[in-house]
Amino acid sequence: MDFTPETMQWRDAYKLLIGSVLPRPIAFVSTMNKAGIANAAPFSFFTVISADPMLVCFSPMRRGSDGAKKDTLLNIEETQEFVINIVSEGIAEKMNVCATEFPSDVDEFEVSGLTKEPSAKVQPPRIKEAKVHLECELYEVHHYGNQPGSGSLVVGKVVHIHVDDHLYDRGRILTDQLNPIGRMAGNIYTRPLASIFEIKRIVQQGDGK
């Protein structure tokens, strides 16, 4: 099958993307507007950029109904701060509640039963039930279109990291203790630890990578 994105409806193009780029880690992003109303929402267009400076990014798409910016993006543009909470399987159901498009005056923490925990360097609260938190200041944001199907790229500079003590071992995070989940297509999620394997990287002499 061959497809030309320019000739497709955005929802059909979206299905090809989310069915191909798999599995995807989930950024459970907590923000707060200037009025003090907290927001929490998951995004599966999420990855790291660099370690020095420590930069991460995620992409909130525009609302499918009218192309408006989502509350998470509006809050970040307003306050320049956010927290990425890593999703473990234990909070998957509550994360899914937060994926609902609630009105902007609804606090997803209250609706989902998640607990606010004060952050160290930024104003938005982190999600206490998450095991890893990346506190971020907005580094830059890029917008690509302003209609349904469009998206933005939010780049955050990590200014503080919280890791549960039992996850940390000699500089590394223990994946089996974190027990993260990943997003597939539709309503399907994956447990990365359910079936893992190792391939050792080939290092040539003089390879500085």
C-alpha atoms as a PDB file:
ATOM      1  CA  MET A   1       0.000   0.000   0.000  1.00  0.00           C
ATOM      2  CA  ASP A   2       1.171   3.511  -0.787  1.00  0.00           C
ATOM      3  CA  PHE A   3      -0.140   6.743   0.748  1.00  0.00           C
ATOM      4  CA  THR A   4       0.365  10.440   0.085  1.00  0.00           C
ATOM      5  CA  PRO A   5      -0.287  12.407   3.318  1.00  0.00           C
ATOM      6  CA  GLU A   6      -1.303  15.587   1.486  1.00  0.00           C
ATOM      7  CA  THR A   7      -4.298  13.799  -0.036  1.00  0.00           C
ATOM      8  CA  MET A   8      -5.493  12.168   3.211  1.00  0.00           C
ATOM      9  CA  GLN A   9      -7.881  13.255   5.932  1.00  0.00           C
ATOM     10  CA  TRP A  10      -5.871  14.061   9.056  1.00  0.00           C
ATOM     11  CA  ARG A  11      -7.511  11.310  11.114  1.00  0.00           C
ATOM     12  CA  ASP A  12      -6.502   8.693   8.537  1.00  0.00           C
ATOM     13  CA  ALA A  13      -2.935  10.004   8.493  1.00  0.00           C
ATOM     14  CA  TYR A  14      -2.932   9.984  12.296  1.00  0.00           C
ATOM     15  CA  LYS A  15      -3.924   6.304  12.362  1.00  0.00           C
ATOM     16  CA  LEU A  16      -0.990   5.429  10.122  1.00  0.00           C
ATOM     17  CA  LEU A  17       1.402   7.284  12.430  1.00  0.00           C
ATOM     18  CA  ILE A  18       0.207   5.790  15.703  1.00  0.00           C
ATOM     19  CA  GLY A  19       0.035   2.334  14.138  1.00  0.00           C
ATOM     20  CA  SER A  20       3.615   2.557  12.895  1.00  0.00           C
ATOM     21  CA  VAL A  21       5.612   4.393  15.559  1.00  0.00           C
ATOM     22  CA  LEU A  22       5.414   1.788  18.335  1.00  0.00           C
ATOM     23  CA  PRO A  23       5.597   1.443  21.246  1.00  0.00           C
ATOM     24  CA  ARG A  24       5.514   5.036  22.470  1.00  0.00           C
ATOM     25  CA  PRO A  25       6.462   6.191  25.985  1.00  0.00           C
ATOM     26  CA  ILE A  26       3.924   8.356  27.769  1.00  0.00           C
ATOM     27  CA  ALA A  27       4.549  11.814  29.178  1.00  0.00           C
ATOM     28  CA  PHE A  28       1.991  12.376  31.928  1.00  0.00           C
ATOM     29  CA  VAL A  29       2.264  16.162  32.022  1.00  0.00           C
ATOM     30  CA  SER A  30       1.133  18.208  35.016  1.00  0.00           C
ATOM     31  CA  THR A  31       0.720  21.960  34.651  1.00  0.00           C
ATOM     32  CA  MET A  32      -0.946  24.868  36.405  1.00  0.00           C
ATOM     33  CA  ASN A  33      -2.446  28.076  35.092  1.00  0.00           C
ATOM     34  CA  LYS A  34      -1.923  31.488  36.671  1.00  0.00           C
ATOM     35  CA  ALA A  35      -5.206  31.132  38.557  1.00  0.00           C
ATOM     36  CA  GLY A  36      -3.777  28.083  40.348  1.00  0.00           C
ATOM     37  CA  ILE A  37      -5.919  25.431  38.646  1.00  0.00           C
ATOM     38  CA  ALA A  38      -3.890  22.272  38.090  1.00  0.00           C
ATOM     39  CA  ASN A  39      -4.081  20.089  35.007  1.00  0.00           C
ATOM     40  CA  ALA A  40      -2.790  16.602  34.247  1.00  0.00           C
ATOM     41  CA  ALA A  41      -2.876  14.974  30.817  1.00  0.00           C
ATOM     42  CA  PRO A  42      -1.018  12.137  29.041  1.00  0.00           C
ATOM     43  CA  PHE A  43       0.807  12.512  25.716  1.00  0.00           C
ATOM     44  CA  SER A  44       2.382   9.651  23.794  1.00  0.00           C
ATOM     45  CA  PHE A  45       4.352  11.792  21.345  1.00  0.00           C
ATOM     46  CA  PHE A  46       7.258  12.043  23.795  1.00  0.00           C
ATOM     47  CA  THR A  47      11.024  11.548  23.805  1.00  0.00           C
ATOM     48  CA  VAL A  48      14.391  12.845  25.026  1.00  0.00           C
ATOM     49  CA  ILE A  49      16.642  15.247  23.116  1.00  0.00           C
ATOM     50  CA  SER A  50      19.934  15.612  24.966  1.00  0.00           C
ATOM     51  CA  ALA A  51      21.645  15.136  28.327  1.00  0.00           C
ATOM     52  CA  ASP A  52      23.644  18.376  28.406  1.00  0.00           C
ATOM     53  CA  PRO A  53      21.619  20.478  28.403  1.00  0.00           C
ATOM     54  CA  MET A  54      19.053  18.001  29.684  1.00  0.00           C
ATOM     55  CA  LEU A  55      16.167  18.472  27.257  1.00  0.00           C
ATOM     56  CA  VAL A  56      12.991  16.482  26.725  1.00  0.00           C
ATOM     57  CA  CYS A  57      10.082  17.109  24.379  1.00  0.00           C
ATOM     58  CA  PHE A  58       6.498  16.155  23.787  1.00  0.00           C
ATOM     59  CA  SER A  59       3.931  17.093  21.161  1.00  0.00           C
ATOM     60  CA  PRO A  60       0.385  18.066  22.115  1.00  0.00           C
ATOM     61  CA  MET A  61      -1.860  17.914  19.067  1.00  0.00           C
ATOM     62  CA  ARG A  62      -4.623  20.474  18.533  1.00  0.00           C
ATOM     63  CA  ARG A  63      -8.133  19.490  19.571  1.00  0.00           C
ATOM     64  CA  GLY A  64      -9.783  17.340  16.935  1.00  0.00           C
ATOM     65  CA  SER A  65     -13.060  19.209  17.162  1.00  0.00           C
ATOM     66  CA  ASP A  66     -11.987  22.794  16.501  1.00  0.00           C
ATOM     67  CA  GLY A  67      -8.185  22.960  16.276  1.00  0.00           C
ATOM     68  CA  ALA A  68      -7.894  24.826  19.591  1.00  0.00           C
ATOM     69  CA  LYS A  69      -4.832  24.469  21.814  1.00  0.00           C
ATOM     70  CA  LYS A  70      -5.198  22.017  24.665  1.00  0.00           C
ATOM     71  CA  ASP A  71      -5.114  23.219  28.270  1.00  0.00           C
ATOM     72  CA  THR A  72      -1.661  21.713  28.834  1.00  0.00           C
ATOM     73  CA  LEU A  73      -0.144  23.804  26.059  1.00  0.00           C
ATOM     74  CA  LEU A  74      -1.979  26.948  27.112  1.00  0.00           C
ATOM     75  CA  ASN A  75      -0.782  26.538  30.697  1.00  0.00           C
ATOM     76  CA  ILE A  76       2.830  25.995  29.630  1.00  0.00           C
ATOM     77  CA  GLU A  77       2.798  29.061  27.409  1.00  0.00           C
ATOM     78  CA  GLU A  78       1.323  31.050  30.280  1.00  0.00           C
ATOM     79  CA  THR A  79       3.605  29.896  33.115  1.00  0.00           C
ATOM     80  CA  GLN A  80       6.676  28.487  31.267  1.00  0.00           C
ATOM     81  CA  GLU A  81       6.759  25.444  33.570  1.00  0.00           C
ATOM     82  CA  PHE A  82       5.563  21.817  33.666  1.00  0.00           C
ATOM     83  CA  VAL A  83       6.329  18.396  35.112  1.00  0.00           C
ATOM     84  CA  ILE A  84       6.610  15.147  33.171  1.00  0.00           C
ATOM     85  CA  ASN A  85       5.513  12.244  35.352  1.00  0.00           C
ATOM     86  CA  ILE A  86       6.536   8.798  34.100  1.00  0.00           C
ATOM     87  CA  VAL A  87       3.632   6.351  33.865  1.00  0.00           C
ATOM     88  CA  SER A  88       3.940   3.043  35.692  1.00  0.00           C
ATOM     89  CA  GLU A  89       1.280   0.383  35.259  1.00  0.00           C
ATOM     90  CA  GLY A  90      -0.114   1.055  38.723  1.00  0.00           C
ATOM     91  CA  ILE A  91      -1.454   4.464  37.688  1.00  0.00           C
ATOM     92  CA  ALA A  92      -2.575   3.546  34.159  1.00  0.00           C
ATOM     93  CA  GLU A  93      -6.308   3.661  34.906  1.00  0.00           C
ATOM     94  CA  LYS A  94      -6.089   7.069  36.580  1.00  0.00           C
ATOM     95  CA  MET A  95      -3.945   8.341  33.729  1.00  0.00           C
ATOM     96  CA  ASN A  96      -6.679   7.267  31.328  1.00  0.00           C
ATOM     97  CA  VAL A  97      -9.229   9.342  33.255  1.00  0.00           C
ATOM     98  CA  CYS A  98      -6.996  12.381  32.715  1.00  0.00           C
ATOM     99  CA  ALA A  99      -7.015  11.792  28.947  1.00  0.00           C
ATOM    100  CA  THR A 100     -10.629  13.014  28.902  1.00  0.00           C
ATOM    101  CA  GLU A 101     -11.104  16.492  27.392  1.00  0.00           C
ATOM    102  CA  PHE A 102     -12.519  18.188  30.479  1.00  0.00           C
ATOM    103  CA  PRO A 103     -13.341  21.920  30.579  1.00  0.00           C
ATOM    104  CA  SER A 104     -10.360  24.097  31.510  1.00  0.00           C
ATOM    105  CA  ASP A 105     -11.687  24.778  35.013  1.00  0.00           C
ATOM    106  CA  VAL A 106     -11.651  21.074  35.933  1.00  0.00           C
ATOM    107  CA  ASP A 107      -8.746  19.821  38.061  1.00  0.00           C
ATOM    108  CA  GLU A 108      -7.831  16.366  36.739  1.00  0.00           C
ATOM    109  CA  PHE A 109      -6.108  15.508  40.015  1.00  0.00           C
ATOM    110  CA  GLU A 110      -9.446  15.736  41.798  1.00  0.00           C
ATOM    111  CA  VAL A 111     -11.399  13.860  39.123  1.00  0.00           C
ATOM    112  CA  SER A 112      -8.896  10.988  38.870  1.00  0.00           C
ATOM    113  CA  GLY A 113      -8.027  10.696  42.554  1.00  0.00           C
ATOM    114  CA  LEU A 114      -4.341  11.385  41.958  1.00  0.00           C
ATOM    115  CA  THR A 115      -2.390  13.222  44.646  1.00  0.00           C
ATOM    116  CA  LYS A 116      -0.638  16.566  44.227  1.00  0.00           C
ATOM    117  CA  GLU A 117       2.924  16.660  45.522  1.00  0.00           C
ATOM    118  CA  PRO A 118       4.843  19.970  45.668  1.00  0.00           C
ATOM    119  CA  SER A 119       7.655  20.275  43.145  1.00  0.00           C
ATOM    120  CA  ALA A 120      11.130  21.445  44.116  1.00  0.00           C
ATOM    121  CA  LYS A 121      11.898  23.979  41.379  1.00  0.00           C
ATOM    122  CA  VAL A 122       8.638  24.697  39.528  1.00  0.00           C
ATOM    123  CA  GLN A 123       5.128  25.719  40.543  1.00  0.00           C
ATOM    124  CA  PRO A 124       3.030  22.934  38.940  1.00  0.00           C
ATOM    125  CA  PRO A 125       2.583  19.968  41.273  1.00  0.00           C
ATOM    126  CA  ARG A 126       3.970  16.576  40.445  1.00  0.00           C
ATOM    127  CA  ILE A 127       1.905  13.402  40.652  1.00  0.00           C
ATOM    128  CA  LYS A 128       2.771  11.707  43.920  1.00  0.00           C
ATOM    129  CA  GLU A 129       1.809   8.252  42.667  1.00  0.00           C
ATOM    130  CA  ALA A 130       4.349   8.432  39.817  1.00  0.00           C
ATOM    131  CA  LYS A 131       7.810   7.057  40.569  1.00  0.00           C
ATOM    132  CA  VAL A 132       9.861   9.419  38.398  1.00  0.00           C
ATOM    133  CA  HIS A 133       9.244  13.141  37.873  1.00  0.00           C
ATOM    134  CA  LEU A 134      11.046  15.515  35.528  1.00  0.00           C
ATOM    135  CA  GLU A 135      10.506  19.128  36.547  1.00  0.00           C
ATOM    136  CA  CYS A 136      10.859  21.322  33.480  1.00  0.00           C
ATOM    137  CA  GLU A 137      11.120  24.927  32.455  1.00  0.00           C
ATOM    138  CA  LEU A 138       9.982  25.756  28.940  1.00  0.00           C
ATOM    139  CA  TYR A 139      13.012  25.875  26.641  1.00  0.00           C
ATOM    140  CA  GLU A 140      11.162  26.551  23.406  1.00  0.00           C
ATOM    141  CA  VAL A 141       7.923  25.726  21.626  1.00  0.00           C
ATOM    142  CA  HIS A 142       7.179  25.388  17.924  1.00  0.00           C
ATOM    143  CA  HIS A 143       3.719  25.350  16.351  1.00  0.00           C
ATOM    144  CA  TYR A 144       2.912  23.446  13.169  1.00  0.00           C
ATOM    145  CA  GLY A 145      -0.468  24.541  11.871  1.00  0.00           C
ATOM    146  CA  ASN A 146      -3.557  25.691  13.753  1.00  0.00           C
ATOM    147  CA  GLN A 147      -6.255  23.295  12.588  1.00  0.00           C
ATOM    148  CA  PRO A 148      -7.438  19.849  13.733  1.00  0.00           C
ATOM    149  CA  GLY A 149      -4.590  17.390  13.234  1.00  0.00           C
ATOM    150  CA  SER A 150      -1.901  20.046  13.734  1.00  0.00           C
ATOM    151  CA  GLY A 151       0.522  19.910  16.632  1.00  0.00           C
ATOM    152  CA  SER A 152       3.155  21.724  18.630  1.00  0.00           C
ATOM    153  CA  LEU A 153       6.586  20.677  19.817  1.00  0.00           C
ATOM    154  CA  VAL A 154       7.216  21.581  23.443  1.00  0.00           C
ATOM    155  CA  VAL A 155      10.852  21.382  24.526  1.00  0.00           C
ATOM    156  CA  GLY A 156      11.525  21.439  28.236  1.00  0.00           C
ATOM    157  CA  LYS A 157      14.767  21.918  30.128  1.00  0.00           C
ATOM    158  CA  VAL A 158      14.855  19.522  33.061  1.00  0.00           C
ATOM    159  CA  VAL A 159      15.745  21.487  36.187  1.00  0.00           C
ATOM    160  CA  HIS A 160      15.051  18.836  38.828  1.00  0.00           C
ATOM    161  CA  ILE A 161      14.485  15.078  38.919  1.00  0.00           C
ATOM    162  CA  HIS A 162      12.733  12.964  41.532  1.00  0.00           C
ATOM    163  CA  VAL A 163      13.307   9.191  41.560  1.00  0.00           C
ATOM    164  CA  ASP A 164      11.830   6.834  44.149  1.00  0.00           C
ATOM    165  CA  ASP A 165      14.639   5.439  46.273  1.00  0.00           C
ATOM    166  CA  HIS A 166      13.919   1.780  45.485  1.00  0.00           C
ATOM    167  CA  LEU A 167      14.258   2.449  41.740  1.00  0.00           C
ATOM    168  CA  TYR A 168      17.790   3.804  41.925  1.00  0.00           C
ATOM    169  CA  ASP A 169      20.841   1.569  41.864  1.00  0.00           C
ATOM    170  CA  ARG A 170      24.400   2.813  41.221  1.00  0.00           C
ATOM    171  CA  GLY A 171      23.372   5.561  38.851  1.00  0.00           C
ATOM    172  CA  ARG A 172      20.725   3.614  36.986  1.00  0.00           C
ATOM    173  CA  ILE A 173      16.944   3.338  37.214  1.00  0.00           C
ATOM    174  CA  LEU A 174      15.735  -0.245  37.641  1.00  0.00           C
ATOM    175  CA  THR A 175      13.227  -0.827  34.871  1.00  0.00           C
ATOM    176  CA  ASP A 176      11.587  -3.777  36.594  1.00  0.00           C
ATOM    177  CA  GLN A 177      10.843  -1.580  39.606  1.00  0.00           C
ATOM    178  CA  LEU A 178       9.571   1.310  37.500  1.00  0.00           C
ATOM    179  CA  ASN A 179       7.305  -1.034  35.499  1.00  0.00           C
ATOM    180  CA  PRO A 180       6.517   1.517  32.779  1.00  0.00           C
ATOM    181  CA  ILE A 181       3.827   1.129  30.164  1.00  0.00           C
ATOM    182  CA  GLY A 182       3.831   2.197  26.532  1.00  0.00           C
ATOM    183  CA  ARG A 183       1.130   3.314  24.118  1.00  0.00           C
ATOM    184  CA  MET A 184       0.156   1.352  21.041  1.00  0.00           C
ATOM    185  CA  ALA A 185      -2.619   2.208  18.583  1.00  0.00           C
ATOM    186  CA  GLY A 186      -6.217   2.825  19.622  1.00  0.00           C
ATOM    187  CA  ASN A 187      -6.951   1.786  23.205  1.00  0.00           C
ATOM    188  CA  ILE A 188      -4.059  -0.676  23.386  1.00  0.00           C
ATOM    189  CA  TYR A 189      -1.119  -0.322  25.790  1.00  0.00           C
ATOM    190  CA  THR A 190       1.926  -2.507  26.259  1.00  0.00           C
ATOM    191  CA  ARG A 191       3.989  -3.797  29.160  1.00  0.00           C
ATOM    192  CA  PRO A 192       7.598  -3.519  27.949  1.00  0.00           C
ATOM    193  CA  LEU A 193       8.802  -5.945  30.616  1.00  0.00           C
ATOM    194  CA  ALA A 194       6.415  -8.689  29.487  1.00  0.00           C
ATOM    195  CA  SER A 195       8.761  -9.823  26.737  1.00  0.00           C
ATOM    196  CA  ILE A 196      12.179  -8.210  26.618  1.00  0.00           C
ATOM    197  CA  PHE A 197      15.458  -9.282  25.066  1.00  0.00           C
ATOM    198  CA  GLU A 198      18.999  -7.986  24.923  1.00  0.00           C
ATOM    199  CA  ILE A 199      21.179  -7.165  21.930  1.00  0.00           C
ATOM    200  CA  LYS A 200      24.634  -5.968  22.879  1.00  0.00           C
ATOM    201  CA  ARG A 201      25.876  -3.038  20.879  1.00  0.00           C
ATOM    202  CA  ILE A 202      28.889  -3.671  18.656  1.00  0.00           C
ATOM    203  CA  VAL A 203      31.696  -1.285  19.604  1.00  0.00           C
ATOM    204  CA  GLN A 204      34.505  -0.887  17.123  1.00  0.00           C
ATOM    205  CA  GLN A 205      37.963   0.121  18.237  1.00  0.00           C
ATOM    206  CA  GLY A 206      38.141   3.893  18.465  1.00  0.00           C
ATOM    207  CA  ASP A 207      34.361   4.282  18.530  1.00  0.00           C
ATOM    208  CA  GLY A 208      33.686   7.240  20.781  1.00  0.00           C
ATOM    209  CA  LYS A 209      29.939   6.732  20.942  1.00  0.00           C
END
